[in-house]
C-alpha atoms as a PDB file:
ATOM      1  CA  MET A   1       0.000   0.000   0.000  1.00  0.00           C
ATOM      2  CA  ILE A   2       1.404   3.403  -1.006  1.00  0.00           C
ATOM      3  CA  VAL A   3       0.706   6.514   1.062  1.00  0.00           C
ATOM      4  CA  SER A   4       1.265  10.184   0.255  1.00  0.00           C
ATOM      5  CA  SER A   5       4.492  11.852   1.398  1.00  0.00           C
ATOM      6  CA  ASP A   6       4.745  15.449   0.151  1.00  0.00           C
ATOM      7  CA  THR A   7       4.625  15.145  -3.655  1.00  0.00           C
ATOM      8  CA  ILE A   8       5.622  11.454  -3.741  1.00  0.00           C
ATOM      9  CA  MET A   9       3.305   8.566  -2.956  1.00  0.00           C
ATOM     10  CA  LYS A  10       5.795   6.828  -0.666  1.00  0.00           C
ATOM     11  CA  PRO A  11       5.291   3.213   0.424  1.00  0.00           C
ATOM     12  CA  PRO A  12       5.399   2.758   4.214  1.00  0.00           C
ATOM     13  CA  TYR A  13       8.637   1.290   5.596  1.00  0.00           C
ATOM     14  CA  ASP A  14      11.252   2.045   8.242  1.00  0.00           C
ATOM     15  CA  ILE A  15      15.039   2.280   8.058  1.00  0.00           C
ATOM     16  CA  THR A  16      15.821   0.039  11.026  1.00  0.00           C
ATOM     17  CA  PRO A  17      19.242  -0.683  12.605  1.00  0.00           C
ATOM     18  CA  LYS A  18      19.143  -4.055  10.816  1.00  0.00           C
ATOM     19  CA  VAL A  19      18.515  -2.338   7.457  1.00  0.00           C
ATOM     20  CA  LEU A  20      21.426   0.045   8.111  1.00  0.00           C
ATOM     21  CA  GLU A  21      23.693  -2.868   9.052  1.00  0.00           C
ATOM     22  CA  LEU A  22      22.775  -4.744   5.870  1.00  0.00           C
ATOM     23  CA  LEU A  23      23.235  -1.620   3.722  1.00  0.00           C
ATOM     24  CA  SER A  24      26.724  -1.216   5.158  1.00  0.00           C
ATOM     25  CA  SER A  25      27.609  -4.866   4.516  1.00  0.00           C
ATOM     26  CA  VAL A  26      26.237  -4.795   0.949  1.00  0.00           C
ATOM     27  CA  SER A  27      28.015  -1.499   0.199  1.00  0.00           C
ATOM     28  CA  GLU A  28      31.325  -2.878   1.490  1.00  0.00           C
ATOM     29  CA  LYS A  29      31.052  -5.919  -0.776  1.00  0.00           C
ATOM     30  CA  LEU A  30      30.047  -3.792  -3.758  1.00  0.00           C
ATOM     31  CA  GLY A  31      33.102  -1.602  -3.167  1.00  0.00           C
ATOM     32  CA  PHE A  32      35.374  -4.650  -3.147  1.00  0.00           C
ATOM     33  CA  ILE A  33      33.695  -6.064  -6.258  1.00  0.00           C
ATOM     34  CA  THR A  34      34.191  -2.783  -8.117  1.00  0.00           C
ATOM     35  CA  ALA A  35      37.825  -2.477  -7.003  1.00  0.00           C
ATOM     36  CA  THR A  36      38.623  -6.009  -8.123  1.00  0.00           C
ATOM     37  CA  HIS A  37      36.507  -5.854 -11.301  1.00  0.00           C
ATOM     38  CA  LEU A  38      34.244  -8.750 -10.351  1.00  0.00           C
ATOM     39  CA  GLU A  39      31.291  -6.873 -11.836  1.00  0.00           C
ATOM     40  CA  ALA A  40      32.643  -7.915 -15.249  1.00  0.00           C
ATOM     41  CA  PRO A  41      32.685 -11.718 -14.943  1.00  0.00           C
ATOM     42  CA  LYS A  42      34.068 -13.915 -17.689  1.00  0.00           C
ATOM     43  CA  ALA A  43      31.677 -15.000 -20.424  1.00  0.00           C
ATOM     44  CA  GLU A  44      31.280 -18.562 -19.141  1.00  0.00           C
ATOM     45  CA  LEU A  45      30.465 -17.359 -15.634  1.00  0.00           C
ATOM     46  CA  ARG A  46      27.946 -14.861 -17.010  1.00  0.00           C
ATOM     47  CA  LYS A  47      26.255 -17.686 -18.891  1.00  0.00           C
ATOM     48  CA  GLN A  48      26.199 -19.987 -15.860  1.00  0.00           C
ATOM     49  CA  ASN A  49      24.800 -17.282 -13.578  1.00  0.00           C
ATOM     50  CA  ARG A  50      22.116 -16.328 -16.067  1.00  0.00           C
ATOM     51  CA  ILE A  51      21.017 -19.953 -16.347  1.00  0.00           C
ATOM     52  CA  LYS A  52      20.852 -20.167 -12.537  1.00  0.00           C
ATOM     53  CA  THR A  53      18.792 -16.971 -12.449  1.00  0.00           C
ATOM     54  CA  ILE A  54      16.288 -18.123 -15.051  1.00  0.00           C
ATOM     55  CA  GLN A  55      15.905 -21.634 -13.640  1.00  0.00           C
ATOM     56  CA  ALA A  56      15.500 -20.467 -10.036  1.00  0.00           C
ATOM     57  CA  SER A  57      13.030 -17.673 -10.776  1.00  0.00           C
ATOM     58  CA  LEU A  58      10.855 -20.016 -12.842  1.00  0.00           C
ATOM     59  CA  GLU A  59      11.078 -22.876 -10.332  1.00  0.00           C
ATOM     60  CA  ILE A  60       9.695 -20.532  -7.676  1.00  0.00           C
ATOM     61  CA  GLU A  61       6.635 -20.202  -9.939  1.00  0.00           C
ATOM     62  CA  GLY A  62       6.259 -23.972 -10.406  1.00  0.00           C
ATOM     63  CA  ASN A  63       8.389 -24.641 -13.486  1.00  0.00           C
ATOM     64  CA  THR A  64       9.730 -28.227 -13.359  1.00  0.00           C
ATOM     65  CA  LEU A  65      12.888 -27.892 -15.473  1.00  0.00           C
ATOM     66  CA  THR A  66      16.337 -28.520 -14.004  1.00  0.00           C
ATOM     67  CA  ILE A  67      19.534 -26.540 -14.541  1.00  0.00           C
ATOM     68  CA  ASP A  68      20.661 -29.110 -17.127  1.00  0.00           C
ATOM     69  CA  GLN A  69      17.369 -28.882 -19.022  1.00  0.00           C
ATOM     70  CA  VAL A  70      17.419 -25.076 -19.021  1.00  0.00           C
ATOM     71  CA  THR A  71      21.011 -25.188 -20.276  1.00  0.00           C
ATOM     72  CA  ALA A  72      19.978 -27.545 -23.077  1.00  0.00           C
ATOM     73  CA  ILE A  73      17.131 -25.244 -24.163  1.00  0.00           C
ATOM     74  CA  ILE A  74      19.444 -22.235 -24.198  1.00  0.00           C
ATOM     75  CA  GLU A  75      21.851 -24.250 -26.361  1.00  0.00           C
ATOM     76  CA  ASN A  76      18.978 -25.119 -28.761  1.00  0.00           C
ATOM     77  CA  LYS A  77      18.983 -28.799 -27.821  1.00  0.00           C
ATOM     78  CA  ARG A  78      15.843 -30.909 -27.663  1.00  0.00           C
ATOM     79  CA  VAL A  79      14.291 -31.338 -24.223  1.00  0.00           C
ATOM     80  CA  LEU A  80      11.416 -33.636 -23.285  1.00  0.00           C
ATOM     81  CA  ALA A  81       9.290 -31.525 -20.950  1.00  0.00           C
ATOM     82  CA  PRO A  82       5.888 -29.789 -20.780  1.00  0.00           C
ATOM     83  CA  GLU A  83       5.524 -27.225 -23.585  1.00  0.00           C
ATOM     84  CA  LYS A  84       4.544 -24.513 -21.106  1.00  0.00           C
ATOM     85  CA  ASP A  85       7.724 -25.028 -19.063  1.00  0.00           C
ATOM     86  CA  ILE A  86       9.884 -24.869 -22.197  1.00  0.00           C
ATOM     87  CA  LEU A  87       8.140 -21.694 -23.392  1.00  0.00           C
ATOM     88  CA  GLU A  88       8.652 -20.070 -19.991  1.00  0.00           C
ATOM     89  CA  VAL A  89      12.389 -20.710 -20.286  1.00  0.00           C
ATOM     90  CA  GLN A  90      12.558 -19.450 -23.880  1.00  0.00           C
ATOM     91  CA  ASN A  91      10.677 -16.273 -22.970  1.00  0.00           C
ATOM     92  CA  ALA A  92      12.848 -15.647 -19.918  1.00  0.00           C
ATOM     93  CA  MET A  93      15.985 -16.217 -21.983  1.00  0.00           C
ATOM     94  CA  ASN A  94      14.813 -13.593 -24.495  1.00  0.00           C
ATOM     95  CA  VAL A  95      14.089 -11.101 -21.708  1.00  0.00           C
ATOM     96  CA  TYR A  96      17.450 -11.605 -19.978  1.00  0.00           C
ATOM     97  CA  ASP A  97      19.327 -11.522 -23.293  1.00  0.00           C
ATOM     98  CA  GLN A  98      18.016  -7.963 -23.648  1.00  0.00           C
ATOM     99  CA  PHE A  99      18.739  -7.070 -20.014  1.00  0.00           C
ATOM    100  CA  GLU A 100      20.696  -3.917 -20.855  1.00  0.00           C
ATOM    101  CA  LYS A 101      17.840  -2.664 -23.045  1.00  0.00           C
ATOM    102  CA  TRP A 102      15.329  -2.383 -20.201  1.00  0.00           C
ATOM    103  CA  LYS A 103      14.940   1.084 -18.676  1.00  0.00           C
ATOM    104  CA  ALA A 104      14.427   0.668 -14.944  1.00  0.00           C
ATOM    105  CA  PHE A 105      12.500   3.894 -14.321  1.00  0.00           C
ATOM    106  CA  THR A 106      10.277   3.705 -17.412  1.00  0.00           C
ATOM    107  CA  GLN A 107       6.888   2.070 -17.104  1.00  0.00           C
ATOM    108  CA  ALA A 108       6.641   1.425 -20.860  1.00  0.00           C
ATOM    109  CA  SER A 109       9.875  -0.595 -20.745  1.00  0.00           C
ATOM    110  CA  PHE A 110       8.520  -2.533 -17.762  1.00  0.00           C
ATOM    111  CA  MET A 111       5.335  -3.392 -19.657  1.00  0.00           C
ATOM    112  CA  ASP A 112       7.320  -4.446 -22.736  1.00  0.00           C
ATOM    113  CA  ALA A 113       9.421  -6.795 -20.594  1.00  0.00           C
ATOM    114  CA  HIS A 114       6.277  -8.417 -19.186  1.00  0.00           C
ATOM    115  CA  ALA A 115       4.860  -8.830 -22.703  1.00  0.00           C
ATOM    116  CA  MET A 116       8.019 -10.679 -23.766  1.00  0.00           C
ATOM    117  CA  LEU A 117       8.232 -12.717 -20.560  1.00  0.00           C
ATOM    118  CA  MET A 118       4.631 -13.952 -20.729  1.00  0.00           C
ATOM    119  CA  ARG A 119       4.124 -14.197 -24.513  1.00  0.00           C
ATOM    120  CA  GLY A 120       2.055 -17.287 -25.331  1.00  0.00           C
ATOM    121  CA  LEU A 121       1.485 -18.011 -21.637  1.00  0.00           C
ATOM    122  CA  ILE A 122      -1.405 -15.673 -20.827  1.00  0.00           C
ATOM    123  CA  GLU A 123      -4.102 -14.031 -22.915  1.00  0.00           C
ATOM    124  CA  LYS A 124      -2.899 -10.414 -22.748  1.00  0.00           C
ATOM    125  CA  PRO A 125       0.812 -10.216 -21.910  1.00  0.00           C
ATOM    126  CA  GLY A 126       2.034  -6.701 -21.196  1.00  0.00           C
ATOM    127  CA  LYS A 127      -1.472  -5.532 -20.189  1.00  0.00           C
ATOM    128  CA  LEU A 128      -2.776  -4.704 -16.712  1.00  0.00           C
ATOM    129  CA  ARG A 129      -5.341  -7.067 -15.247  1.00  0.00           C
ATOM    130  CA  THR A 130      -9.033  -6.170 -15.430  1.00  0.00           C
ATOM    131  CA  THR A 131     -10.281  -8.716 -12.883  1.00  0.00           C
ATOM    132  CA  SER A 132      -9.940  -9.130  -9.123  1.00  0.00           C
ATOM    133  CA  VAL A 133      -7.333 -11.560  -7.842  1.00  0.00           C
ATOM    134  CA  GLY A 134      -6.409 -13.257  -4.579  1.00  0.00           C
ATOM    135  CA  ILE A 135      -3.191 -15.143  -3.789  1.00  0.00           C
ATOM    136  CA  ALA A 136      -3.678 -18.566  -2.231  1.00  0.00           C
ATOM    137  CA  LYS A 137      -1.140 -20.701  -0.391  1.00  0.00           C
ATOM    138  CA  GLY A 138      -2.648 -24.090   0.296  1.00  0.00           C
ATOM    139  CA  PRO A 139      -6.284 -23.887   1.405  1.00  0.00           C
ATOM    140  CA  SER A 140      -6.209 -20.227   2.485  1.00  0.00           C
ATOM    141  CA  VAL A 141      -6.046 -16.875   0.674  1.00  0.00           C
ATOM    142  CA  THR A 142      -2.946 -15.032   1.883  1.00  0.00           C
ATOM    143  CA  HIS A 143      -3.331 -11.815  -0.068  1.00  0.00           C
ATOM    144  CA  VAL A 144      -6.160  -9.984  -1.812  1.00  0.00           C
ATOM    145  CA  ALA A 145      -4.721  -7.583  -4.401  1.00  0.00           C
ATOM    146  CA  PRO A 146      -6.196  -4.103  -4.953  1.00  0.00           C
ATOM    147  CA  PRO A 147      -9.272  -3.930  -7.221  1.00  0.00           C
ATOM    148  CA  PRO A 148      -8.456  -3.706 -10.952  1.00  0.00           C
ATOM    149  CA  GLY A 149      -9.679  -0.112 -11.139  1.00  0.00           C
ATOM    150  CA  LEU A 150      -6.888   0.962  -8.765  1.00  0.00           C
ATOM    151  CA  VAL A 151      -4.038  -0.940 -10.409  1.00  0.00           C
ATOM    152  CA  LYS A 152      -3.001   1.708 -12.952  1.00  0.00           C
ATOM    153  CA  GLY A 153      -2.908   4.460 -10.334  1.00  0.00           C
ATOM    154  CA  HIS A 154      -0.915   2.321  -7.887  1.00  0.00           C
ATOM    155  CA  LEU A 155       1.608   1.420 -10.593  1.00  0.00           C
ATOM    156  CA  ASN A 156       1.969   5.079 -11.610  1.00  0.00           C
ATOM    157  CA  ASP A 157       2.610   5.996  -7.973  1.00  0.00           C
ATOM    158  CA  LEU A 158       5.168   3.206  -7.622  1.00  0.00           C
ATOM    159  CA  PHE A 159       7.174   4.382 -10.626  1.00  0.00           C
ATOM    160  CA  SER A 160       6.932   7.988  -9.396  1.00  0.00           C
ATOM    161  CA  TYR A 161       8.414   6.853  -6.067  1.00  0.00           C
ATOM    162  CA  LEU A 162      11.161   4.960  -7.890  1.00  0.00           C
ATOM    163  CA  GLN A 163      12.030   8.002  -9.989  1.00  0.00           C
ATOM    164  CA  LYS A 164      11.814  10.751  -7.349  1.00  0.00           C
ATOM    165  CA  ASP A 165      12.460   9.399  -3.861  1.00  0.00           C
ATOM    166  CA  LYS A 166      15.900  10.138  -2.384  1.00  0.00           C
ATOM    167  CA  ASP A 167      16.424   6.877  -0.480  1.00  0.00           C
ATOM    168  CA  PRO A 168      19.329   4.631  -1.646  1.00  0.00           C
ATOM    169  CA  ILE A 169      18.640   2.579  -4.753  1.00  0.00           C
ATOM    170  CA  LEU A 170      19.235  -0.589  -2.720  1.00  0.00           C
ATOM    171  CA  ILE A 171      16.230   0.313  -0.550  1.00  0.00           C
ATOM    172  CA  LYS A 172      14.046   1.470  -3.433  1.00  0.00           C
ATOM    173  CA  SER A 173      14.660  -1.717  -5.406  1.00  0.00           C
ATOM    174  CA  CYS A 174      13.460  -3.828  -2.445  1.00  0.00           C
ATOM    175  CA  VAL A 175      10.402  -1.613  -1.985  1.00  0.00           C
ATOM    176  CA  PHE A 176       9.581  -1.860  -5.684  1.00  0.00           C
ATOM    177  CA  HIS A 177       9.831  -5.666  -5.523  1.00  0.00           C
ATOM    178  CA  TYR A 178       7.444  -5.830  -2.562  1.00  0.00           C
ATOM    179  CA  GLU A 179       4.949  -3.276  -3.876  1.00  0.00           C
ATOM    180  CA  LEU A 180       4.767  -5.014  -7.235  1.00  0.00           C
ATOM    181  CA  GLU A 181       3.808  -8.220  -5.450  1.00  0.00           C
ATOM    182  CA  PHE A 182       1.249  -6.281  -3.384  1.00  0.00           C
ATOM    183  CA  ILE A 183      -0.342  -4.525  -6.381  1.00  0.00           C
ATOM    184  CA  HIS A 184      -0.238  -7.695  -8.494  1.00  0.00           C
ATOM    185  CA  PRO A 185      -0.787  -5.700 -11.705  1.00  0.00           C
ATOM    186  CA  PHE A 186      -0.869  -8.683 -14.079  1.00  0.00           C
ATOM    187  CA  THR A 187      -2.961 -11.833 -14.241  1.00  0.00           C
ATOM    188  CA  ASP A 188       0.293 -13.833 -14.064  1.00  0.00           C
ATOM    189  CA  GLY A 189       4.045 -13.242 -14.048  1.00  0.00           C
ATOM    190  CA  ASN A 190       4.109 -10.772 -11.143  1.00  0.00           C
ATOM    191  CA  GLY A 191       6.655 -12.707  -9.080  1.00  0.00           C
ATOM    192  CA  ARG A 192       9.152 -13.194 -11.874  1.00  0.00           C
ATOM    193  CA  MET A 193       8.729  -9.529 -12.917  1.00  0.00           C
ATOM    194  CA  GLY A 194       9.374  -8.362  -9.365  1.00  0.00           C
ATOM    195  CA  ARG A 195      12.612 -10.331  -9.170  1.00  0.00           C
ATOM    196  CA  LEU A 196      13.696  -9.332 -12.684  1.00  0.00           C
ATOM    197  CA  TRP A 197      12.956  -5.632 -12.222  1.00  0.00           C
ATOM    198  CA  GLN A 198      14.751  -5.376  -8.902  1.00  0.00           C
ATOM    199  CA  ASN A 199      17.895  -6.560 -10.702  1.00  0.00           C
ATOM    200  CA  VAL A 200      17.266  -4.134 -13.586  1.00  0.00           C
ATOM    201  CA  ILE A 201      16.951  -1.272 -11.079  1.00  0.00           C
ATOM    202  CA  LEU A 202      20.133  -2.235  -9.245  1.00  0.00           C
ATOM    203  CA  ALA A 203      22.193  -2.938 -12.383  1.00  0.00           C
ATOM    204  CA  GLY A 204      21.813   0.684 -13.467  1.00  0.00           C
ATOM    205  CA  GLN A 205      24.062   1.684 -10.557  1.00  0.00           C
ATOM    206  CA  TYR A 206      25.850  -1.602  -9.860  1.00  0.00           C
ATOM    207  CA  PRO A 207      26.537  -3.598 -13.073  1.00  0.00           C
ATOM    208  CA  VAL A 208      27.210  -6.811 -11.148  1.00  0.00           C
ATOM    209  CA  PHE A 209      23.428  -7.270 -10.731  1.00  0.00           C
ATOM    210  CA  ALA A 210      23.062  -7.948 -14.442  1.00  0.00           C
ATOM    211  CA  TYR A 211      24.560 -11.396 -13.761  1.00  0.00           C
ATOM    212  CA  LEU A 212      24.326 -11.970 -10.009  1.00  0.00           C
ATOM    213  CA  PRO A 213      22.044 -14.996  -9.421  1.00  0.00           C
ATOM    214  CA  VAL A 214      20.081 -13.501  -6.511  1.00  0.00           C
ATOM    215  CA  GLU A 215      17.097 -15.658  -7.484  1.00  0.00           C
ATOM    216  CA  SER A 216      19.028 -18.831  -6.633  1.00  0.00           C
ATOM    217  CA  ILE A 217      19.227 -17.761  -2.993  1.00  0.00           C
ATOM    218  CA  ILE A 218      15.576 -16.669  -2.971  1.00  0.00           C
ATOM    219  CA  LYS A 219      14.728 -20.163  -4.236  1.00  0.00           C
ATOM    220  CA  ARG A 220      16.742 -21.753  -1.403  1.00  0.00           C
ATOM    221  CA  LYS A 221      14.847 -19.557   1.046  1.00  0.00           C
ATOM    222  CA  GLN A 222      11.494 -19.712  -0.694  1.00  0.00           C
ATOM    223  CA  SER A 223       9.411 -20.251   2.443  1.00  0.00           C
ATOM    224  CA  GLU A 224      11.159 -17.291   4.121  1.00  0.00           C
ATOM    225  CA  TYR A 225      10.542 -15.206   0.997  1.00  0.00           C
ATOM    226  CA  TYR A 226       6.798 -15.808   1.116  1.00  0.00           C
ATOM    227  CA  LYS A 227       6.739 -15.296   4.892  1.00  0.00           C
ATOM    228  CA  ALA A 228       8.466 -11.912   4.513  1.00  0.00           C
ATOM    229  CA  LEU A 229       5.848 -10.920   1.932  1.00  0.00           C
ATOM    230  CA  SER A 230       3.020 -12.159   4.161  1.00  0.00           C
ATOM    231  CA  ASP A 231       4.358 -10.542   7.343  1.00  0.00           C
ATOM    232  CA  SER A 232       4.754  -7.219   5.529  1.00  0.00           C
ATOM    233  CA  ASP A 233       1.183  -7.488   4.244  1.00  0.00           C
ATOM    234  CA  LYS A 234      -0.158  -8.078   7.746  1.00  0.00           C
ATOM    235  CA  VAL A 235       1.429  -4.954   9.230  1.00  0.00           C
ATOM    236  CA  GLY A 236       0.976  -2.736   6.146  1.00  0.00           C
ATOM    237  CA  ASN A 237       4.700  -1.963   6.112  1.00  0.00           C
ATOM    238  CA  CYS A 238       7.385  -3.624   3.965  1.00  0.00           C
ATOM    239  CA  THR A 239      10.330  -3.256   6.386  1.00  0.00           C
ATOM    240  CA  THR A 240      10.451  -7.029   6.999  1.00  0.00           C
ATOM    241  CA  PHE A 241      10.653  -7.685   3.260  1.00  0.00           C
ATOM    242  CA  ILE A 242      13.396  -5.066   2.820  1.00  0.00           C
ATOM    243  CA  GLU A 243      15.446  -6.765   5.539  1.00  0.00           C
ATOM    244  CA  PHE A 244      14.937 -10.178   3.960  1.00  0.00           C
ATOM    245  CA  ILE A 245      15.900  -9.136   0.411  1.00  0.00           C
ATOM    246  CA  LEU A 246      18.906  -7.089   1.551  1.00  0.00           C
ATOM    247  CA  ASN A 247      20.116 -10.157   3.432  1.00  0.00           C
ATOM    248  CA  VAL A 248      19.691 -12.247   0.251  1.00  0.00           C
ATOM    249  CA  VAL A 249      21.596  -9.660  -1.802  1.00  0.00           C
ATOM    250  CA  ASP A 250      24.358  -9.567   0.833  1.00  0.00           C
ATOM    251  CA  GLU A 251      24.643 -13.358   0.722  1.00  0.00           C
ATOM    252  CA  ALA A 252      24.747 -13.431  -3.107  1.00  0.00           C
ATOM    253  CA  LEU A 253      27.500 -10.809  -3.180  1.00  0.00           C
ATOM    254  CA  GLY A 254      29.412 -12.694  -0.491  1.00  0.00           C
ATOM    255  CA  GLU A 255      29.333 -15.878  -2.545  1.00  0.00           C
ATOM    256  CA  LEU A 256      30.662 -13.983  -5.546  1.00  0.00           C
ATOM    257  CA  VAL A 257      33.512 -12.473  -3.543  1.00  0.00           C
ATOM    258  CA  LEU A 258      34.505 -15.864  -2.105  1.00  0.00           C
ATOM    259  CA  THR A 259      34.322 -17.948  -5.277  1.00  0.00           C
ATOM    260  CA  GLN A 260      35.036 -15.723  -8.258  1.00  0.00           C
ATOM    261  CA  ARG A 261      38.274 -13.845  -7.695  1.00  0.00           C
ATOM    262  CA  GLN A 262      39.771 -13.543 -11.136  1.00  0.00           C
ATOM    263  CA  SER A 263      42.548 -12.069 -13.250  1.00  0.00           C
ATOM    264  CA  LEU A 264      41.354 -10.282 -16.367  1.00  0.00           C
ATOM    265  CA  SER A 265      42.707 -10.785 -19.859  1.00  0.00           C
ATOM    266  CA  VAL A 266      44.083  -7.878 -21.895  1.00  0.00           C
ATOM    267  CA  ALA A 267      40.867  -7.654 -23.931  1.00  0.00           C
ATOM    268  CA  GLU A 268      38.739  -7.721 -20.770  1.00  0.00           C
ATOM    269  CA  ARG A 269      40.780  -4.942 -19.144  1.00  0.00           C
ATOM    270  CA  ILE A 270      40.521  -2.716 -22.201  1.00  0.00           C
ATOM    271  CA  ASP A 271      36.806  -3.368 -22.546  1.00  0.00           C
ATOM    272  CA  LEU A 272      36.182  -2.611 -18.870  1.00  0.00           C
ATOM    273  CA  PHE A 273      38.234   0.593 -18.996  1.00  0.00           C
ATOM    274  CA  ILE A 274      36.329   1.840 -22.047  1.00  0.00           C
ATOM    275  CA  LYS A 275      33.002   1.160 -20.334  1.00  0.00           C
ATOM    276  CA  ARG A 276      33.999   2.876 -17.103  1.00  0.00           C
ATOM    277  CA  HIS A 277      36.095   5.806 -18.268  1.00  0.00           C
ATOM    278  CA  PRO A 278      33.958   8.981 -18.254  1.00  0.00           C
ATOM    279  CA  ASP A 279      36.228  10.940 -20.581  1.00  0.00           C
ATOM    280  CA  GLY A 280      37.434   9.935 -24.015  1.00  0.00           C
ATOM    281  CA  THR A 281      41.066  10.941 -23.438  1.00  0.00           C
ATOM    282  CA  PHE A 282      43.411   9.424 -20.844  1.00  0.00           C
ATOM    283  CA  THR A 283      47.024   8.568 -19.992  1.00  0.00           C
ATOM    284  CA  ARG A 284      48.745   5.313 -19.075  1.00  0.00           C
ATOM    285  CA  LYS A 285      48.832   6.543 -15.466  1.00  0.00           C
ATOM    286  CA  GLU A 286      45.029   6.780 -15.426  1.00  0.00           C
ATOM    287  CA  TYR A 287      44.797   3.281 -16.891  1.00  0.00           C
ATOM    288  CA  LEU A 288      47.074   1.986 -14.114  1.00  0.00           C
ATOM    289  CA  GLN A 289      44.930   3.684 -11.469  1.00  0.00           C
ATOM    290  CA  MET A 290      42.071   1.376 -12.446  1.00  0.00           C
ATOM    291  CA  PHE A 291      44.202  -1.775 -12.672  1.00  0.00           C
ATOM    292  CA  LYS A 292      46.553  -1.473  -9.698  1.00  0.00           C
ATOM    293  CA  ASN A 293      47.637  -5.122  -9.858  1.00  0.00           C
ATOM    294  CA  ILE A 294      49.419  -4.828 -13.232  1.00  0.00           C
ATOM    295  CA  SER A 295      52.808  -3.306 -13.994  1.00  0.00           C
ATOM    296  CA  ALA A 296      53.548  -0.254 -16.144  1.00  0.00           C
ATOM    297  CA  PRO A 297      54.983  -2.421 -18.976  1.00  0.00           C
ATOM    298  CA  THR A 298      51.824  -4.568 -18.901  1.00  0.00           C
ATOM    299  CA  ALA A 299      49.695  -1.437 -19.135  1.00  0.00           C
ATOM    300  CA  SER A 300      51.769  -0.279 -22.117  1.00  0.00           C
ATOM    301  CA  ARG A 301      51.214  -3.630 -23.838  1.00  0.00           C
ATOM    302  CA  ASP A 302      47.474  -3.414 -23.127  1.00  0.00           C
ATOM    303  CA  LEU A 303      47.254   0.043 -24.653  1.00  0.00           C
ATOM    304  CA  LYS A 304      49.344  -0.981 -27.655  1.00  0.00           C
ATOM    305  CA  GLU A 305      46.894  -3.826 -28.299  1.00  0.00           C
ATOM    306  CA  GLY A 306      43.961  -1.438 -27.918  1.00  0.00           C
ATOM    307  CA  VAL A 307      45.504   0.806 -30.580  1.00  0.00           C
ATOM    308  CA  ALA A 308      46.204  -2.165 -32.869  1.00  0.00           C
ATOM    309  CA  LYS A 309      42.556  -3.244 -32.585  1.00  0.00           C
ATOM    310  CA  LYS A 310      41.458   0.330 -33.360  1.00  0.00           C
ATOM    311  CA  LEU A 311      39.664   0.680 -30.046  1.00  0.00           C
ATOM    312  CA  LEU A 312      42.077   3.427 -29.001  1.00  0.00           C
ATOM    313  CA  GLU A 313      43.963   6.208 -30.763  1.00  0.00           C
ATOM    314  CA  LYS A 314      47.451   7.212 -29.602  1.00  0.00           C
ATOM    315  CA  LYS A 315      48.798  10.772 -29.619  1.00  0.00           C
ATOM    316  CA  GLY A 316      52.228  11.974 -28.527  1.00  0.00           C
ATOM    317  CA  ASP A 317      55.207   9.957 -27.341  1.00  0.00           C
ATOM    318  CA  LYS A 318      56.858   8.825 -24.101  1.00  0.00           C
ATOM    319  CA  ASN A 319      55.841  10.990 -21.091  1.00  0.00           C
ATOM    320  CA  VAL A 320      53.369  13.077 -23.081  1.00  0.00           C
ATOM    321  CA  THR A 321      51.542  10.126 -24.646  1.00  0.00           C
ATOM    322  CA  LYS A 322      47.766  10.301 -24.492  1.00  0.00           C
ATOM    323  CA  TYR A 323      45.110   7.861 -25.669  1.00  0.00           C
ATOM    324  CA  ARG A 324      41.633   8.531 -26.965  1.00  0.00           C
ATOM    325  CA  ILE A 325      38.758   6.068 -26.853  1.00  0.00           C
ATOM    326  CA  LYS A 326      37.453   5.669 -30.388  1.00  0.00           C
ATOM    327  CA  LEU A 327      34.274   3.799 -29.501  1.00  0.00           C
ATOM    328  CA  LYS A 328      32.382   3.748 -26.190  1.00  0.00           C
ATOM    329  CA  ARG A 329      31.023   0.304 -25.315  1.00  0.00           C
END
């Protein structure tokens, strides 16, 4: 439920000591990941993490396919499984393949993503529901979503909050995830959209979330996930859900830090520098400031290769040498 706060319809939640502690832990890990370039994982790891993300998010919604089966579908191999389950994987693969295309703060982009995610699975993908809906767990109804006539207004308010509120993006992404589940704007696909869009929101500021398999941990803690949603519903305040999701994010980042320390190749270093460098012109010293674990001769060889591949342009010589990025990635 979203309530008015000045000009923004702000969802009710509190910044508790636990939230602050988790924000600090997450921020510390993100700082380490940025410093050690773990936000740019190798291609094979990106593929593996994306498969984990897709399989886990769909399994939460009842999809029966295993990691191996999802991998086979992504590799265009034949899989014996229910057609609906296969289509869910294919749709999700298409959505995640276009991850960088989605605009986190734009409702039209959000609706387009739902249309792609649910194509062939529901009657009107990418359209808001026009009927009432209740969420059942076992024999009881655990949540009654707002009436269909209120859905559009609630969604508008939620995107306005996302765009205008000054709280950290880590908090706002959790709030968006919860509120989307509360509003339940679509006839189906709300859960997978909530998990997807939280990552889209976070990846705009922290690129590691484009590949971090947060959904795998949510799947491991599925009963806690639903309890956090339910408990937040009961009190009309999503603080409990914020604490739960921040803890999941912290755990996912911790696993990455522990298991994926890596040394980058020349091509990966150049590509990362081009993506991160705000100005088109730089020196070898500036290149070394980003990659503190390589020597000056290694940096020179990197830059020479970048010039040879026509990614960079060299001007000057020796101490006055400067490089210009020819093409931003």
